[in-house]
Amino acid sequence: MSGEPGGVDVVAADYWPDDADDVEEGYLANWFAAEGRTVEAGETLCEIQIEKVSIDVPAPTAGEVVEVAVAEGADFARGDVLARIRPAT
């Protein structure tokens, strides 16, 4: 990934449901935080769907969303980075 050093990756696998171990792809339904927006830790960044189950993805840290790596309406793999956050200082 082409992110900046010190950024925090938001990785899809970290939010994968335990009962979907046999599923390898998801769908990004909505982004609630665009690039450049400042977010608080735990604030919902986006909604993903795994096997038609919706999951809110929270920001792992407070900071600025510096990259949205998966577009709204796109499919992604379990290990894909969804976004990158530059932690607040």
C-alpha atoms as a PDB file:
ATOM      1  CA  MET A   1       0.000   0.000   0.000  1.00  0.00           C
ATOM      2  CA  SER A   2       1.182   3.509  -0.730  1.00  0.00           C
ATOM      3  CA  GLY A   3       0.208   5.012   2.599  1.00  0.00           C
ATOM      4  CA  GLU A   4       2.352   7.306   4.642  1.00  0.00           C
ATOM      5  CA  PRO A   5       4.632   6.074   7.424  1.00  0.00           C
ATOM      6  CA  GLY A   6       3.030   5.974  10.833  1.00  0.00           C
ATOM      7  CA  GLY A   7      -0.493   5.624   9.460  1.00  0.00           C
ATOM      8  CA  VAL A   8      -2.913   3.067  10.857  1.00  0.00           C
ATOM      9  CA  ASP A   9      -4.437   0.647   8.353  1.00  0.00           C
ATOM     10  CA  VAL A  10      -8.097  -0.275   8.686  1.00  0.00           C
ATOM     11  CA  VAL A  11      -8.000  -3.926   7.589  1.00  0.00           C
ATOM     12  CA  ALA A  12     -11.185  -5.779   6.653  1.00  0.00           C
ATOM     13  CA  ALA A  13     -10.053  -8.986   8.364  1.00  0.00           C
ATOM     14  CA  ASP A  14     -10.094  -7.236  11.747  1.00  0.00           C
ATOM     15  CA  TYR A  15     -13.888  -6.886  11.483  1.00  0.00           C
ATOM     16  CA  TRP A  16     -14.677 -10.223   9.831  1.00  0.00           C
ATOM     17  CA  PRO A  17     -17.455 -12.129  11.615  1.00  0.00           C
ATOM     18  CA  ASP A  18     -16.430 -15.353  13.334  1.00  0.00           C
ATOM     19  CA  ASP A  19     -19.199 -17.303  11.622  1.00  0.00           C
ATOM     20  CA  ALA A  20     -17.980 -16.327   8.119  1.00  0.00           C
ATOM     21  CA  ASP A  21     -14.630 -18.116   8.098  1.00  0.00           C
ATOM     22  CA  ASP A  22     -15.466 -19.751   4.763  1.00  0.00           C
ATOM     23  CA  VAL A  23     -16.180 -16.396   3.068  1.00  0.00           C
ATOM     24  CA  GLU A  24     -13.331 -14.509   1.383  1.00  0.00           C
ATOM     25  CA  GLU A  25     -15.075 -11.443  -0.105  1.00  0.00           C
ATOM     26  CA  GLY A  26     -17.170  -8.596   1.203  1.00  0.00           C
ATOM     27  CA  TYR A  27     -18.988  -5.572  -0.176  1.00  0.00           C
ATOM     28  CA  LEU A  28     -18.426  -1.971   0.901  1.00  0.00           C
ATOM     29  CA  ALA A  29     -21.923  -0.518   1.225  1.00  0.00           C
ATOM     30  CA  ASN A  30     -21.321   3.023   2.577  1.00  0.00           C
ATOM     31  CA  TRP A  31     -18.585   5.384   3.658  1.00  0.00           C
ATOM     32  CA  PHE A  32     -19.448   7.732   6.523  1.00  0.00           C
ATOM     33  CA  ALA A  33     -16.021   9.399   6.682  1.00  0.00           C
ATOM     34  CA  ALA A  34     -14.406  10.790   3.533  1.00  0.00           C
ATOM     35  CA  GLU A  35     -10.696  11.419   2.955  1.00  0.00           C
ATOM     36  CA  GLY A  36      -9.525  14.449   4.877  1.00  0.00           C
ATOM     37  CA  ARG A  37     -12.088  14.085   7.643  1.00  0.00           C
ATOM     38  CA  THR A  38     -11.013  13.920  11.282  1.00  0.00           C
ATOM     39  CA  VAL A  39     -12.542  11.005  13.214  1.00  0.00           C
ATOM     40  CA  GLU A  40     -12.634   9.913  16.838  1.00  0.00           C
ATOM     41  CA  ALA A  41     -11.592   6.419  17.932  1.00  0.00           C
ATOM     42  CA  GLY A  42     -14.608   4.143  17.669  1.00  0.00           C
ATOM     43  CA  GLU A  43     -16.492   6.426  15.272  1.00  0.00           C
ATOM     44  CA  THR A  44     -18.087   4.500  12.403  1.00  0.00           C
ATOM     45  CA  LEU A  45     -16.010   4.832   9.226  1.00  0.00           C
ATOM     46  CA  CYS A  46     -18.005   2.642   6.885  1.00  0.00           C
ATOM     47  CA  GLU A  47     -20.517  -0.152   6.562  1.00  0.00           C
ATOM     48  CA  ILE A  48     -19.426  -3.450   5.041  1.00  0.00           C
ATOM     49  CA  GLN A  49     -21.489  -6.485   4.175  1.00  0.00           C
ATOM     50  CA  ILE A  50     -20.289 -10.042   4.597  1.00  0.00           C
ATOM     51  CA  GLU A  51     -22.751 -12.711   3.477  1.00  0.00           C
ATOM     52  CA  LYS A  52     -25.479 -10.007   3.443  1.00  0.00           C
ATOM     53  CA  VAL A  53     -24.832  -9.150   7.107  1.00  0.00           C
ATOM     54  CA  SER A  54     -24.074  -5.455   7.681  1.00  0.00           C
ATOM     55  CA  ILE A  55     -21.115  -4.567   9.910  1.00  0.00           C
ATOM     56  CA  ASP A  56     -20.135  -1.081  11.045  1.00  0.00           C
ATOM     57  CA  VAL A  57     -16.357  -0.582  10.891  1.00  0.00           C
ATOM     58  CA  PRO A  58     -15.115   1.728  13.660  1.00  0.00           C
ATOM     59  CA  ALA A  59     -12.028   3.921  13.478  1.00  0.00           C
ATOM     60  CA  PRO A  60      -9.242   2.070  15.325  1.00  0.00           C
ATOM     61  CA  THR A  61      -7.725   5.382  16.432  1.00  0.00           C
ATOM     62  CA  ALA A  62      -8.497   9.086  16.435  1.00  0.00           C
ATOM     63  CA  GLY A  63      -7.013  11.027  13.539  1.00  0.00           C
ATOM     64  CA  GLU A  64      -7.441  12.022   9.930  1.00  0.00           C
ATOM     65  CA  VAL A  65      -8.674   9.675   7.193  1.00  0.00           C
ATOM     66  CA  VAL A  66      -5.835  10.067   4.697  1.00  0.00           C
ATOM     67  CA  GLU A  67      -6.828   7.313   2.275  1.00  0.00           C
ATOM     68  CA  VAL A  68     -10.014   5.489   1.341  1.00  0.00           C
ATOM     69  CA  ALA A  69      -8.686   2.373  -0.381  1.00  0.00           C
ATOM     70  CA  VAL A  70     -11.950   0.631  -1.343  1.00  0.00           C
ATOM     71  CA  ALA A  71     -14.668   2.550  -3.145  1.00  0.00           C
ATOM     72  CA  GLU A  72     -18.276   2.540  -2.044  1.00  0.00           C
ATOM     73  CA  GLY A  73     -20.091  -0.196  -3.939  1.00  0.00           C
ATOM     74  CA  ALA A  74     -16.931  -2.242  -4.515  1.00  0.00           C
ATOM     75  CA  ASP A  75     -16.062  -5.767  -3.461  1.00  0.00           C
ATOM     76  CA  PHE A  76     -12.950  -6.458  -1.384  1.00  0.00           C
ATOM     77  CA  ALA A  77     -11.025  -9.439  -0.062  1.00  0.00           C
ATOM     78  CA  ARG A  78     -10.720 -10.357   3.610  1.00  0.00           C
ATOM     79  CA  GLY A  79      -7.153  -9.079   3.927  1.00  0.00           C
ATOM     80  CA  ASP A  80      -7.653  -5.820   2.058  1.00  0.00           C
ATOM     81  CA  VAL A  81      -6.984  -2.435   3.637  1.00  0.00           C
ATOM     82  CA  LEU A  82     -10.188  -0.385   3.585  1.00  0.00           C
ATOM     83  CA  ALA A  83      -8.692   2.932   4.689  1.00  0.00           C
ATOM     84  CA  ARG A  84      -5.687   4.524   6.361  1.00  0.00           C
ATOM     85  CA  ILE A  85      -5.765   6.955   9.287  1.00  0.00           C
ATOM     86  CA  ARG A  86      -3.046   9.379  10.345  1.00  0.00           C
ATOM     87  CA  PRO A  87      -3.224   9.285  14.157  1.00  0.00           C
ATOM     88  CA  ALA A  88      -3.921  12.527  15.976  1.00  0.00           C
ATOM     89  CA  THR A  89      -0.936  13.941  17.838  1.00  0.00           C
END
